[in-house]
C-alpha atoms as a PDB file:
ATOM      1  CA  MET A   1     -11.012 -59.585  13.872  1.00  0.00           C
ATOM      2  CA  SER A   2     -12.685 -58.797  10.604  1.00  0.00           C
ATOM      3  CA  ARG A   3     -11.315 -60.019   7.322  1.00  0.00           C
ATOM      4  CA  SER A   4     -10.378 -57.790   4.425  1.00  0.00           C
ATOM      5  CA  THR A   5      -8.520 -58.135   1.164  1.00  0.00           C
ATOM      6  CA  SER A   6      -5.021 -56.775   1.381  1.00  0.00           C
ATOM      7  CA  PRO A   7      -3.499 -54.637  -1.366  1.00  0.00           C
ATOM      8  CA  ALA A   8      -1.527 -57.662  -2.471  1.00  0.00           C
ATOM      9  CA  GLY A   9      -4.738 -59.543  -3.120  1.00  0.00           C
ATOM     10  CA  SER A  10      -4.285 -62.069  -0.327  1.00  0.00           C
ATOM     11  CA  ARG A  11      -6.670 -62.455   2.593  1.00  0.00           C
ATOM     12  CA  THR A  12      -5.376 -60.805   5.738  1.00  0.00           C
ATOM     13  CA  ALA A  13      -6.930 -59.623   8.952  1.00  0.00           C
ATOM     14  CA  ALA A  14      -7.130 -55.879   9.380  1.00  0.00           C
ATOM     15  CA  PRO A  15      -5.894 -55.249  12.914  1.00  0.00           C
ATOM     16  CA  ALA A  16      -8.485 -54.193  15.428  1.00  0.00           C
ATOM     17  CA  ASP A  17     -11.141 -54.137  12.690  1.00  0.00           C
ATOM     18  CA  GLN A  18      -9.628 -50.981  11.276  1.00  0.00           C
ATOM     19  CA  SER A  19     -10.033 -49.890   7.661  1.00  0.00           C
ATOM     20  CA  PRO A  20      -6.850 -49.527   5.608  1.00  0.00           C
ATOM     21  CA  ARG A  21      -7.337 -45.751   5.679  1.00  0.00           C
ATOM     22  CA  SER A  22      -7.553 -45.542   9.468  1.00  0.00           C
ATOM     23  CA  ALA A  23      -4.594 -47.926   9.835  1.00  0.00           C
ATOM     24  CA  LYS A  24      -2.453 -45.722   7.591  1.00  0.00           C
ATOM     25  CA  LEU A  25      -3.540 -42.657   9.538  1.00  0.00           C
ATOM     26  CA  ALA A  26      -2.575 -44.377  12.777  1.00  0.00           C
ATOM     27  CA  VAL A  27       0.951 -45.214  11.598  1.00  0.00           C
ATOM     28  CA  THR A  28       1.398 -41.621  10.364  1.00  0.00           C
ATOM     29  CA  VAL A  29       0.006 -39.795  13.388  1.00  0.00           C
ATOM     30  CA  PHE A  30       1.269 -42.044  16.211  1.00  0.00           C
ATOM     31  CA  PRO A  31       4.957 -41.087  15.833  1.00  0.00           C
ATOM     32  CA  LEU A  32       4.084 -37.397  15.558  1.00  0.00           C
ATOM     33  CA  LEU A  33       2.121 -37.418  18.816  1.00  0.00           C
ATOM     34  CA  ILE A  34       4.832 -39.355  20.633  1.00  0.00           C
ATOM     35  CA  ILE A  35       7.596 -37.084  19.303  1.00  0.00           C
ATOM     36  CA  GLY A  36       5.512 -34.085  20.339  1.00  0.00           C
ATOM     37  CA  GLY A  37       5.193 -35.533  23.835  1.00  0.00           C
ATOM     38  CA  ALA A  38       8.953 -36.106  24.084  1.00  0.00           C
ATOM     39  CA  VAL A  39       9.737 -32.562  22.948  1.00  0.00           C
ATOM     40  CA  ALA A  40       7.208 -31.081  25.377  1.00  0.00           C
ATOM     41  CA  ALA A  41       8.736 -33.072  28.241  1.00  0.00           C
ATOM     42  CA  LEU A  42      12.225 -31.836  27.355  1.00  0.00           C
ATOM     43  CA  LEU A  43      11.108 -28.212  27.156  1.00  0.00           C
ATOM     44  CA  ALA A  44       9.021 -28.226  30.345  1.00  0.00           C
ATOM     45  CA  PRO A  45      10.156 -31.149  32.529  1.00  0.00           C
ATOM     46  CA  ALA A  46       8.787 -29.670  35.757  1.00  0.00           C
ATOM     47  CA  THR A  47       5.322 -29.454  34.220  1.00  0.00           C
ATOM     48  CA  PHE A  48       5.096 -33.125  33.276  1.00  0.00           C
ATOM     49  CA  SER A  49       7.185 -34.902  35.919  1.00  0.00           C
ATOM     50  CA  PRO A  50       4.149 -35.324  38.268  1.00  0.00           C
ATOM     51  CA  LEU A  51       2.650 -37.613  35.604  1.00  0.00           C
ATOM     52  CA  SER A  52       5.000 -40.380  36.766  1.00  0.00           C
ATOM     53  CA  ALA A  53       2.466 -41.318  39.441  1.00  0.00           C
ATOM     54  CA  GLY A  54       0.008 -42.476  36.779  1.00  0.00           C
ATOM     55  CA  VAL A  55       2.302 -44.502  34.503  1.00  0.00           C
ATOM     56  CA  THR A  56       1.081 -47.865  35.819  1.00  0.00           C
ATOM     57  CA  TYR A  57      -2.554 -46.958  35.207  1.00  0.00           C
ATOM     58  CA  ALA A  58      -1.779 -45.705  31.696  1.00  0.00           C
ATOM     59  CA  LEU A  59      -0.111 -49.020  30.870  1.00  0.00           C
ATOM     60  CA  MET A  60      -3.060 -50.977  32.270  1.00  0.00           C
ATOM     61  CA  ILE A  61      -5.435 -49.020  30.029  1.00  0.00           C
ATOM     62  CA  ILE A  62      -3.206 -49.735  27.006  1.00  0.00           C
ATOM     63  CA  MET A  63      -3.138 -53.465  27.742  1.00  0.00           C
ATOM     64  CA  PHE A  64      -6.879 -53.565  28.426  1.00  0.00           C
ATOM     65  CA  GLY A  65      -7.408 -52.000  25.005  1.00  0.00           C
ATOM     66  CA  MET A  66      -5.163 -54.657  23.482  1.00  0.00           C
ATOM     67  CA  GLY A  67      -7.266 -57.367  25.118  1.00  0.00           C
ATOM     68  CA  LEU A  68     -10.402 -55.867  23.574  1.00  0.00           C
ATOM     69  CA  THR A  69      -8.914 -56.409  20.096  1.00  0.00           C
ATOM     70  CA  LEU A  70      -8.255 -60.116  20.685  1.00  0.00           C
ATOM     71  CA  THR A  71     -10.520 -63.104  20.140  1.00  0.00           C
ATOM     72  CA  LEU A  72     -10.042 -66.774  20.944  1.00  0.00           C
ATOM     73  CA  PRO A  73      -9.408 -67.662  17.246  1.00  0.00           C
ATOM     74  CA  ASP A  74      -6.315 -65.432  17.438  1.00  0.00           C
ATOM     75  CA  PHE A  75      -4.782 -68.071  19.725  1.00  0.00           C
ATOM     76  CA  ALA A  76      -5.938 -71.017  17.589  1.00  0.00           C
ATOM     77  CA  LEU A  77      -3.202 -70.262  15.065  1.00  0.00           C
ATOM     78  CA  VAL A  78      -0.757 -71.879  17.489  1.00  0.00           C
ATOM     79  CA  LEU A  79      -2.448 -75.207  16.799  1.00  0.00           C
ATOM     80  CA  ARG A  80      -2.927 -74.694  13.062  1.00  0.00           C
ATOM     81  CA  ARG A  81       0.546 -73.286  12.315  1.00  0.00           C
ATOM     82  CA  PRO A  82       2.741 -73.967  15.341  1.00  0.00           C
ATOM     83  CA  VAL A  83       6.125 -73.656  13.605  1.00  0.00           C
ATOM     84  CA  PRO A  84       6.043 -69.944  12.615  1.00  0.00           C
ATOM     85  CA  VAL A  85       4.359 -68.921  15.875  1.00  0.00           C
ATOM     86  CA  ILE A  86       6.799 -70.781  18.123  1.00  0.00           C
ATOM     87  CA  ALA A  87       9.787 -69.771  15.980  1.00  0.00           C
ATOM     88  CA  GLY A  88       8.742 -66.116  15.927  1.00  0.00           C
ATOM     89  CA  VAL A  89       8.217 -65.882  19.696  1.00  0.00           C
ATOM     90  CA  ALA A  90      11.502 -67.728  20.301  1.00  0.00           C
ATOM     91  CA  PHE A  91      13.353 -65.314  17.992  1.00  0.00           C
ATOM     92  CA  GLN A  92      11.857 -62.358  19.847  1.00  0.00           C
ATOM     93  CA  PHE A  93      12.783 -63.485  23.353  1.00  0.00           C
ATOM     94  CA  ALA A  94      16.239 -64.695  22.248  1.00  0.00           C
ATOM     95  CA  LEU A  95      17.448 -62.076  19.779  1.00  0.00           C
ATOM     96  CA  MET A  96      16.272 -58.810  21.339  1.00  0.00           C
ATOM     97  CA  PRO A  97      17.576 -59.334  24.904  1.00  0.00           C
ATOM     98  CA  LEU A  98      20.984 -60.548  23.668  1.00  0.00           C
ATOM     99  CA  LEU A  99      21.207 -57.677  21.178  1.00  0.00           C
ATOM    100  CA  ALA A 100      20.405 -55.192  23.934  1.00  0.00           C
ATOM    101  CA  PHE A 101      23.062 -56.675  26.205  1.00  0.00           C
ATOM    102  CA  ALA A 102      25.691 -56.597  23.436  1.00  0.00           C
ATOM    103  CA  ILE A 103      24.915 -53.017  22.406  1.00  0.00           C
ATOM    104  CA  ALA A 104      24.950 -51.771  26.014  1.00  0.00           C
ATOM    105  CA  TRP A 105      28.344 -53.462  26.515  1.00  0.00           C
ATOM    106  CA  VAL A 106      29.875 -52.119  23.297  1.00  0.00           C
ATOM    107  CA  LEU A 107      28.673 -48.561  23.981  1.00  0.00           C
ATOM    108  CA  GLN A 108      29.656 -48.789  27.663  1.00  0.00           C
ATOM    109  CA  LEU A 109      26.334 -47.341  28.791  1.00  0.00           C
ATOM    110  CA  PRO A 110      25.946 -46.357  32.445  1.00  0.00           C
ATOM    111  CA  PRO A 111      24.412 -49.155  34.565  1.00  0.00           C
ATOM    112  CA  ALA A 112      20.896 -47.706  34.750  1.00  0.00           C
ATOM    113  CA  LEU A 113      20.708 -47.089  31.000  1.00  0.00           C
ATOM    114  CA  ALA A 114      22.184 -50.524  30.233  1.00  0.00           C
ATOM    115  CA  ALA A 115      19.603 -52.198  32.477  1.00  0.00           C
ATOM    116  CA  GLY A 116      16.850 -50.155  30.824  1.00  0.00           C
ATOM    117  CA  MET A 117      17.970 -51.186  27.345  1.00  0.00           C
ATOM    118  CA  ILE A 118      18.064 -54.850  28.367  1.00  0.00           C
ATOM    119  CA  LEU A 119      14.570 -54.438  29.800  1.00  0.00           C
ATOM    120  CA  VAL A 120      13.397 -53.095  26.415  1.00  0.00           C
ATOM    121  CA  GLY A 121      14.824 -56.202  24.769  1.00  0.00           C
ATOM    122  CA  SER A 122      13.129 -58.504  27.268  1.00  0.00           C
ATOM    123  CA  VAL A 123       9.530 -57.277  27.016  1.00  0.00           C
ATOM    124  CA  PRO A 124       6.938 -58.706  24.574  1.00  0.00           C
ATOM    125  CA  GLY A 125       6.032 -57.391  21.141  1.00  0.00           C
ATOM    126  CA  GLY A 126       4.796 -53.848  20.635  1.00  0.00           C
ATOM    127  CA  THR A 127       1.103 -53.002  20.518  1.00  0.00           C
ATOM    128  CA  SER A 128       1.425 -51.215  17.157  1.00  0.00           C
ATOM    129  CA  SER A 129       3.223 -54.085  15.405  1.00  0.00           C
ATOM    130  CA  ASN A 130      -0.024 -55.548  14.057  1.00  0.00           C
ATOM    131  CA  VAL A 131      -0.905 -52.349  12.200  1.00  0.00           C
ATOM    132  CA  VAL A 132       2.625 -52.050  10.814  1.00  0.00           C
ATOM    133  CA  THR A 133       2.520 -55.690   9.644  1.00  0.00           C
ATOM    134  CA  TYR A 134      -0.817 -55.063   7.935  1.00  0.00           C
ATOM    135  CA  LEU A 135       0.501 -52.051   6.044  1.00  0.00           C
ATOM    136  CA  ALA A 136       3.705 -53.949   5.193  1.00  0.00           C
ATOM    137  CA  ARG A 137       1.644 -56.695   3.476  1.00  0.00           C
ATOM    138  CA  GLY A 138       2.772 -59.193   6.068  1.00  0.00           C
ATOM    139  CA  ASP A 139       0.989 -62.105   7.737  1.00  0.00           C
ATOM    140  CA  VAL A 140      -1.301 -60.214  10.114  1.00  0.00           C
ATOM    141  CA  ALA A 141      -2.838 -63.312  11.704  1.00  0.00           C
ATOM    142  CA  LEU A 142       0.662 -64.469  12.661  1.00  0.00           C
ATOM    143  CA  SER A 143       1.536 -61.004  13.969  1.00  0.00           C
ATOM    144  CA  VAL A 144      -1.546 -60.855  16.207  1.00  0.00           C
ATOM    145  CA  THR A 145      -0.893 -64.356  17.534  1.00  0.00           C
ATOM    146  CA  MET A 146       2.789 -63.615  18.225  1.00  0.00           C
ATOM    147  CA  THR A 147       1.916 -60.417  20.101  1.00  0.00           C
ATOM    148  CA  SER A 148      -0.694 -62.283  22.135  1.00  0.00           C
ATOM    149  CA  ILE A 149       1.536 -65.239  23.023  1.00  0.00           C
ATOM    150  CA  SER A 150       4.590 -63.120  23.856  1.00  0.00           C
ATOM    151  CA  THR A 151       2.421 -60.885  26.048  1.00  0.00           C
ATOM    152  CA  LEU A 152       1.028 -63.861  27.963  1.00  0.00           C
ATOM    153  CA  LEU A 153       4.548 -65.269  28.432  1.00  0.00           C
ATOM    154  CA  SER A 154       5.991 -61.957  29.631  1.00  0.00           C
ATOM    155  CA  PRO A 155       5.229 -62.372  33.375  1.00  0.00           C
ATOM    156  CA  LEU A 156       7.632 -65.329  33.349  1.00  0.00           C
ATOM    157  CA  LEU A 157      10.200 -64.533  30.655  1.00  0.00           C
ATOM    158  CA  THR A 158      10.690 -60.779  31.102  1.00  0.00           C
ATOM    159  CA  PRO A 159      11.803 -60.950  34.761  1.00  0.00           C
ATOM    160  CA  LEU A 160      14.013 -64.007  34.110  1.00  0.00           C
ATOM    161  CA  LEU A 161      15.752 -62.464  31.098  1.00  0.00           C
ATOM    162  CA  THR A 162      16.209 -59.150  32.893  1.00  0.00           C
ATOM    163  CA  LEU A 163      17.617 -60.901  35.967  1.00  0.00           C
ATOM    164  CA  TRP A 164      20.046 -62.895  33.824  1.00  0.00           C
ATOM    165  CA  LEU A 165      21.335 -60.085  31.616  1.00  0.00           C
ATOM    166  CA  ALA A 166      20.823 -56.903  33.653  1.00  0.00           C
ATOM    167  CA  GLY A 167      21.635 -58.373  37.062  1.00  0.00           C
ATOM    168  CA  GLN A 168      25.312 -57.533  36.643  1.00  0.00           C
ATOM    169  CA  TYR A 169      24.445 -53.835  36.302  1.00  0.00           C
ATOM    170  CA  LEU A 170      21.788 -53.386  38.978  1.00  0.00           C
ATOM    171  CA  PRO A 171      19.932 -55.558  41.510  1.00  0.00           C
ATOM    172  CA  VAL A 172      16.876 -56.980  39.735  1.00  0.00           C
ATOM    173  CA  PRO A 173      13.745 -57.605  41.851  1.00  0.00           C
ATOM    174  CA  ALA A 174      12.506 -60.376  39.564  1.00  0.00           C
ATOM    175  CA  GLY A 175       9.656 -61.464  41.824  1.00  0.00           C
ATOM    176  CA  ASP A 176       8.277 -57.955  42.218  1.00  0.00           C
ATOM    177  CA  MET A 177       8.667 -57.384  38.490  1.00  0.00           C
ATOM    178  CA  ALA A 178       6.665 -60.542  37.733  1.00  0.00           C
ATOM    179  CA  LYS A 179       3.877 -59.317  40.028  1.00  0.00           C
ATOM    180  CA  SER A 180       3.900 -55.929  38.280  1.00  0.00           C
ATOM    181  CA  ILE A 181       3.608 -57.560  34.850  1.00  0.00           C
ATOM    182  CA  LEU A 182       0.696 -59.679  36.068  1.00  0.00           C
ATOM    183  CA  GLN A 183      -1.007 -56.503  37.287  1.00  0.00           C
ATOM    184  CA  ILE A 184      -0.129 -54.284  34.328  1.00  0.00           C
ATOM    185  CA  VAL A 185      -0.323 -56.814  31.480  1.00  0.00           C
ATOM    186  CA  LEU A 186      -1.971 -60.142  32.123  1.00  0.00           C
ATOM    187  CA  ILE A 187      -5.006 -59.093  34.171  1.00  0.00           C
ATOM    188  CA  PRO A 188      -6.026 -56.178  31.873  1.00  0.00           C
ATOM    189  CA  VAL A 189      -5.495 -58.273  28.700  1.00  0.00           C
ATOM    190  CA  VAL A 190      -7.580 -61.164  30.038  1.00  0.00           C
ATOM    191  CA  ALA A 191     -10.254 -58.711  31.219  1.00  0.00           C
ATOM    192  CA  GLY A 192     -10.399 -57.218  27.720  1.00  0.00           C
ATOM    193  CA  ILE A 193     -10.741 -60.646  26.111  1.00  0.00           C
ATOM    194  CA  VAL A 194     -13.540 -61.622  28.521  1.00  0.00           C
ATOM    195  CA  LEU A 195     -15.405 -58.351  27.954  1.00  0.00           C
ATOM    196  CA  ARG A 196     -15.252 -58.881  24.199  1.00  0.00           C
ATOM    197  CA  LEU A 197     -16.692 -62.367  24.644  1.00  0.00           C
ATOM    198  CA  LEU A 198     -19.548 -60.994  26.765  1.00  0.00           C
ATOM    199  CA  LEU A 199     -20.293 -57.816  24.761  1.00  0.00           C
ATOM    200  CA  PRO A 200     -18.934 -58.422  21.241  1.00  0.00           C
ATOM    201  CA  ARG A 201     -21.085 -55.898  19.390  1.00  0.00           C
ATOM    202  CA  ILE A 202     -20.316 -53.034  21.745  1.00  0.00           C
ATOM    203  CA  VAL A 203     -16.593 -53.798  21.719  1.00  0.00           C
ATOM    204  CA  VAL A 204     -16.427 -54.020  17.922  1.00  0.00           C
ATOM    205  CA  ALA A 205     -18.272 -50.694  17.686  1.00  0.00           C
ATOM    206  CA  ILE A 206     -15.671 -48.899  19.812  1.00  0.00           C
ATOM    207  CA  GLN A 207     -12.611 -50.561  18.290  1.00  0.00           C
ATOM    208  CA  PRO A 208     -11.749 -47.716  15.878  1.00  0.00           C
ATOM    209  CA  ALA A 209     -11.047 -45.589  18.972  1.00  0.00           C
ATOM    210  CA  LEU A 210      -8.790 -48.155  20.665  1.00  0.00           C
ATOM    211  CA  PRO A 211      -5.563 -47.361  18.769  1.00  0.00           C
ATOM    212  CA  TRP A 212      -5.929 -43.706  19.738  1.00  0.00           C
ATOM    213  CA  ILE A 213      -6.414 -44.617  23.394  1.00  0.00           C
ATOM    214  CA  SER A 214      -3.262 -46.711  23.115  1.00  0.00           C
ATOM    215  CA  VAL A 215      -1.152 -43.954  21.599  1.00  0.00           C
ATOM    216  CA  LEU A 216      -2.397 -41.408  24.118  1.00  0.00           C
ATOM    217  CA  GLY A 217      -1.378 -43.831  26.846  1.00  0.00           C
ATOM    218  CA  ILE A 218       2.074 -44.308  25.321  1.00  0.00           C
ATOM    219  CA  THR A 219       2.432 -40.535  24.912  1.00  0.00           C
ATOM    220  CA  TYR A 220       1.556 -40.150  28.599  1.00  0.00           C
ATOM    221  CA  VAL A 221       4.326 -42.618  29.507  1.00  0.00           C
ATOM    222  CA  VAL A 222       6.823 -40.777  27.292  1.00  0.00           C
ATOM    223  CA  LEU A 223       5.910 -37.431  28.888  1.00  0.00           C
ATOM    224  CA  ALA A 224       6.363 -38.848  32.375  1.00  0.00           C
ATOM    225  CA  VAL A 225       9.628 -40.697  31.723  1.00  0.00           C
ATOM    226  CA  VAL A 226      11.392 -38.083  29.596  1.00  0.00           C
ATOM    227  CA  SER A 227      10.509 -35.264  31.983  1.00  0.00           C
ATOM    228  CA  GLY A 228      11.834 -37.297  34.915  1.00  0.00           C
ATOM    229  CA  SER A 229      15.111 -38.124  33.125  1.00  0.00           C
ATOM    230  CA  HIS A 230      15.831 -34.745  31.576  1.00  0.00           C
ATOM    231  CA  ASP A 231      19.361 -34.431  32.974  1.00  0.00           C
ATOM    232  CA  VAL A 232      20.411 -37.963  31.992  1.00  0.00           C
ATOM    233  CA  LEU A 233      19.076 -37.503  28.480  1.00  0.00           C
ATOM    234  CA  ALA A 234      21.031 -34.277  28.136  1.00  0.00           C
ATOM    235  CA  SER A 235      24.300 -35.981  29.113  1.00  0.00           C
ATOM    236  CA  ALA A 236      23.985 -39.403  27.439  1.00  0.00           C
ATOM    237  CA  GLY A 237      21.275 -38.719  24.904  1.00  0.00           C
ATOM    238  CA  VAL A 238      23.165 -39.122  21.615  1.00  0.00           C
ATOM    239  CA  LEU A 239      24.883 -42.365  22.608  1.00  0.00           C
ATOM    240  CA  LEU A 240      21.647 -43.830  23.962  1.00  0.00           C
ATOM    241  CA  ILE A 241      19.646 -42.864  20.882  1.00  0.00           C
ATOM    242  CA  VAL A 242      22.265 -44.450  18.605  1.00  0.00           C
ATOM    243  CA  GLY A 243      22.126 -47.649  20.657  1.00  0.00           C
ATOM    244  CA  ILE A 244      18.346 -47.768  20.519  1.00  0.00           C
ATOM    245  CA  MET A 245      18.279 -47.216  16.760  1.00  0.00           C
ATOM    246  CA  ILE A 246      20.810 -50.023  16.255  1.00  0.00           C
ATOM    247  CA  HIS A 247      18.830 -52.315  18.566  1.00  0.00           C
ATOM    248  CA  ASN A 248      15.578 -51.760  16.700  1.00  0.00           C
ATOM    249  CA  LEU A 249      17.028 -51.964  13.181  1.00  0.00           C
ATOM    250  CA  MET A 250      19.059 -55.085  13.953  1.00  0.00           C
ATOM    251  CA  GLY A 251      15.891 -56.607  15.398  1.00  0.00           C
ATOM    252  CA  TYR A 252      14.123 -56.112  12.073  1.00  0.00           C
ATOM    253  CA  GLY A 253      17.069 -57.480  10.105  1.00  0.00           C
ATOM    254  CA  LEU A 254      17.897 -60.480  12.258  1.00  0.00           C
ATOM    255  CA  GLY A 255      14.207 -61.314  12.695  1.00  0.00           C
ATOM    256  CA  TYR A 256      13.773 -61.397   8.933  1.00  0.00           C
ATOM    257  CA  ALA A 257      16.969 -63.424   8.431  1.00  0.00           C
ATOM    258  CA  ALA A 258      16.031 -65.935  11.121  1.00  0.00           C
ATOM    259  CA  ALA A 259      12.586 -66.384   9.559  1.00  0.00           C
ATOM    260  CA  ALA A 260      14.206 -66.864   6.143  1.00  0.00           C
ATOM    261  CA  LEU A 261      16.323 -69.698   7.571  1.00  0.00           C
ATOM    262  CA  THR A 262      13.080 -71.550   8.317  1.00  0.00           C
ATOM    263  CA  ARG A 263      12.147 -71.169   4.608  1.00  0.00           C
ATOM    264  CA  ALA A 264       9.059 -69.179   5.600  1.00  0.00           C
ATOM    265  CA  PRO A 265       7.162 -67.318   2.864  1.00  0.00           C
ATOM    266  CA  VAL A 266       7.755 -63.578   2.527  1.00  0.00           C
ATOM    267  CA  PRO A 267       4.579 -62.415   4.368  1.00  0.00           C
ATOM    268  CA  THR A 268       5.609 -64.579   7.323  1.00  0.00           C
ATOM    269  CA  ARG A 269       9.153 -63.187   7.242  1.00  0.00           C
ATOM    270  CA  ARG A 270       7.811 -59.650   7.300  1.00  0.00           C
ATOM    271  CA  ALA A 271       5.505 -60.370  10.243  1.00  0.00           C
ATOM    272  CA  ILE A 272       8.295 -61.962  12.275  1.00  0.00           C
ATOM    273  CA  SER A 273      10.677 -59.132  11.379  1.00  0.00           C
ATOM    274  CA  VAL A 274       8.239 -56.507  12.640  1.00  0.00           C
ATOM    275  CA  GLU A 275       7.330 -58.497  15.765  1.00  0.00           C
ATOM    276  CA  VAL A 276      10.974 -59.007  16.704  1.00  0.00           C
ATOM    277  CA  GLY A 277      11.977 -55.391  16.025  1.00  0.00           C
ATOM    278  CA  MET A 278       9.027 -53.613  17.677  1.00  0.00           C
ATOM    279  CA  GLN A 279       8.887 -53.977  21.459  1.00  0.00           C
ATOM    280  CA  ASN A 280       6.317 -53.054  24.081  1.00  0.00           C
ATOM    281  CA  SER A 281       8.622 -50.231  25.066  1.00  0.00           C
ATOM    282  CA  GLY A 282       5.939 -48.436  27.057  1.00  0.00           C
ATOM    283  CA  LEU A 283       5.854 -51.435  29.369  1.00  0.00           C
ATOM    284  CA  ALA A 284       9.665 -51.383  29.559  1.00  0.00           C
ATOM    285  CA  ALA A 285       9.578 -47.716  30.544  1.00  0.00           C
ATOM    286  CA  GLY A 286       6.975 -48.373  33.224  1.00  0.00           C
ATOM    287  CA  LEU A 287       8.867 -51.329  34.676  1.00  0.00           C
ATOM    288  CA  GLY A 288      12.148 -49.443  34.579  1.00  0.00           C
ATOM    289  CA  SER A 289      10.643 -46.542  36.484  1.00  0.00           C
ATOM    290  CA  ALA A 290       8.913 -48.780  39.026  1.00  0.00           C
ATOM    291  CA  HIS A 291      11.736 -51.216  39.777  1.00  0.00           C
ATOM    292  CA  PHE A 292      14.983 -49.399  38.914  1.00  0.00           C
ATOM    293  CA  SER A 293      15.099 -45.619  38.423  1.00  0.00           C
ATOM    294  CA  PRO A 294      13.813 -42.877  36.126  1.00  0.00           C
ATOM    295  CA  GLU A 295      17.053 -43.257  34.127  1.00  0.00           C
ATOM    296  CA  ALA A 296      16.349 -46.959  33.526  1.00  0.00           C
ATOM    297  CA  ALA A 297      12.955 -45.996  32.082  1.00  0.00           C
ATOM    298  CA  LEU A 298      14.547 -43.686  29.511  1.00  0.00           C
ATOM    299  CA  PRO A 299      15.518 -46.364  26.930  1.00  0.00           C
ATOM    300  CA  GLY A 300      11.899 -47.533  26.816  1.00  0.00           C
ATOM    301  CA  ALA A 301      10.613 -43.994  26.303  1.00  0.00           C
ATOM    302  CA  ILE A 302      13.055 -43.284  23.476  1.00  0.00           C
ATOM    303  CA  PHE A 303      12.399 -46.680  21.895  1.00  0.00           C
ATOM    304  CA  SER A 304       8.671 -45.801  21.890  1.00  0.00           C
ATOM    305  CA  VAL A 305       9.426 -42.747  19.792  1.00  0.00           C
ATOM    306  CA  TRP A 306      11.917 -44.354  17.436  1.00  0.00           C
ATOM    307  CA  HIS A 307      10.265 -47.699  16.659  1.00  0.00           C
ATOM    308  CA  ASN A 308       7.041 -45.994  15.616  1.00  0.00           C
ATOM    309  CA  ILE A 309       9.051 -43.916  13.129  1.00  0.00           C
ATOM    310  CA  SER A 310      11.054 -46.861  11.799  1.00  0.00           C
ATOM    311  CA  GLY A 311       7.971 -49.091  11.737  1.00  0.00           C
ATOM    312  CA  GLY A 312       6.084 -46.559   9.645  1.00  0.00           C
ATOM    313  CA  LEU A 313       8.986 -46.272   7.210  1.00  0.00           C
ATOM    314  CA  LEU A 314       9.321 -50.057   6.960  1.00  0.00           C
ATOM    315  CA  ALA A 315       5.587 -50.437   6.370  1.00  0.00           C
ATOM    316  CA  SER A 316       5.741 -47.799   3.637  1.00  0.00           C
ATOM    317  CA  TYR A 317       8.648 -49.566   1.899  1.00  0.00           C
ATOM    318  CA  TRP A 318       7.254 -53.086   2.073  1.00  0.00           C
ATOM    319  CA  GLY A 319       3.721 -51.880   1.392  1.00  0.00           C
ATOM    320  CA  ARG A 320       4.814 -50.857  -2.107  1.00  0.00           C
ATOM    321  CA  ARG A 321       6.200 -54.325  -2.867  1.00  0.00           C
ATOM    322  CA  ARG A 322       4.112 -57.403  -3.572  1.00  0.00           C
ATOM    323  CA  ALA A 323       4.632 -60.250  -1.136  1.00  0.00           C
ATOM    324  CA  ALA A 324       3.083 -63.339  -2.699  1.00  0.00           C
ATOM    325  CA  PRO A 325       3.538 -66.329  -0.395  1.00  0.00           C
ATOM    326  CA  GLU A 326       5.448 -68.259  -3.039  1.00  0.00           C
ATOM    327  CA  VAL A 327       8.083 -65.552  -3.488  1.00  0.00           C
ATOM    328  CA  ALA A 328      11.420 -66.811  -2.182  1.00  0.00           C
ATOM    329  CA  GLN A 329      13.176 -63.481  -1.695  1.00  0.00           C
ATOM    330  CA  ASP A 330      12.159 -59.923  -0.738  1.00  0.00           C
END
C-alpha cells in the first residue's frame, strides 16, 4: 500500500495504491453500475437468470483481487494497535448480525428473506469500505486491517452466526457454508497475497484496474440474484428495501457510537463506522443462493446497491470535515 497525504494533512494509506481522483471516481461510478445492473435484471429477468451458474466464480475473482491489494504489513497493525482492531472486528460481528435479526423480526419478513438479511449481517466487511474510509478522512490503515481480519475469520464466524440466528427460519448447512467460504474467500485471498509477494511490481502496476474488476464482479452477482428473484422482489420489495436501509444506516451509527465509547479519535471512529456498516453483501448473496434459495440471496443483492450509495454519501459528508486525531467529537 502506498502512502499519500490525505486532504486533512495526516498520513493515510490510499487504498489499493489508488490516487485520490481514481478513488473518488470509483465511489461515484460503482453505485451507478450496480444500480444499472439491478434495473436491467428487473426489466429482463429471463435474459440474466442463467448468470446464476457463475456467481461463485465471480466472487472468487473479487476476493482474489482483494488479496492482491493486501500486504503483510496490513496485518501487523494488530500487534501495533490491537485495541481498535479487535474492538472494530468485534463490533462488526456482534452488531450487524443482531441488528439484522431484530429488523427481520420487527418487519416480519418471510423466512427466506429473514435468513438472507441475517446472512448479510454475518459476513465480513465490504470490499469497497477502504475507499470510502479514505474519502471520509478516516483511518485507512485500520480499515484495511479490519477488512482483512474479518475476512479471514469469516469461514468460522459467518456459518456459526447464521446457524444461531437464522436457524429458526430455515435449516442452515453450517458445515457446507464454511467449506464454501474457504473456497470463495480464504483460498483466493491467500493466493492474491502470495502472488503479490512473488510479483510485487506487476501486481502494483495492475492495481488501478482491480476496483473495476471488483465492481464488475459485484454487478454480475446483482444481475444474477435480482433476475432470479424477480417475483419475490415485486411482492416484498418495499419492505425489504426499508429493512436493508435501516440495517446499513444503524450499522454506521452504532459502529461510530461504539467506537466513541472506547474514546477513539475521530478518524478511528469513522473507519470503524464504515467497516461495521458496509458488508461483503456480494458474498452474502452468493452464499444465500448456494445454500438457501434465490430469495435468500436477494437481501445481499439489494444491500450491494444501497450500501455503495450510502457509503458514497457518507464519504462526501465526512470528506468535507476535518478529522484531526485530537478532536473529541464529529
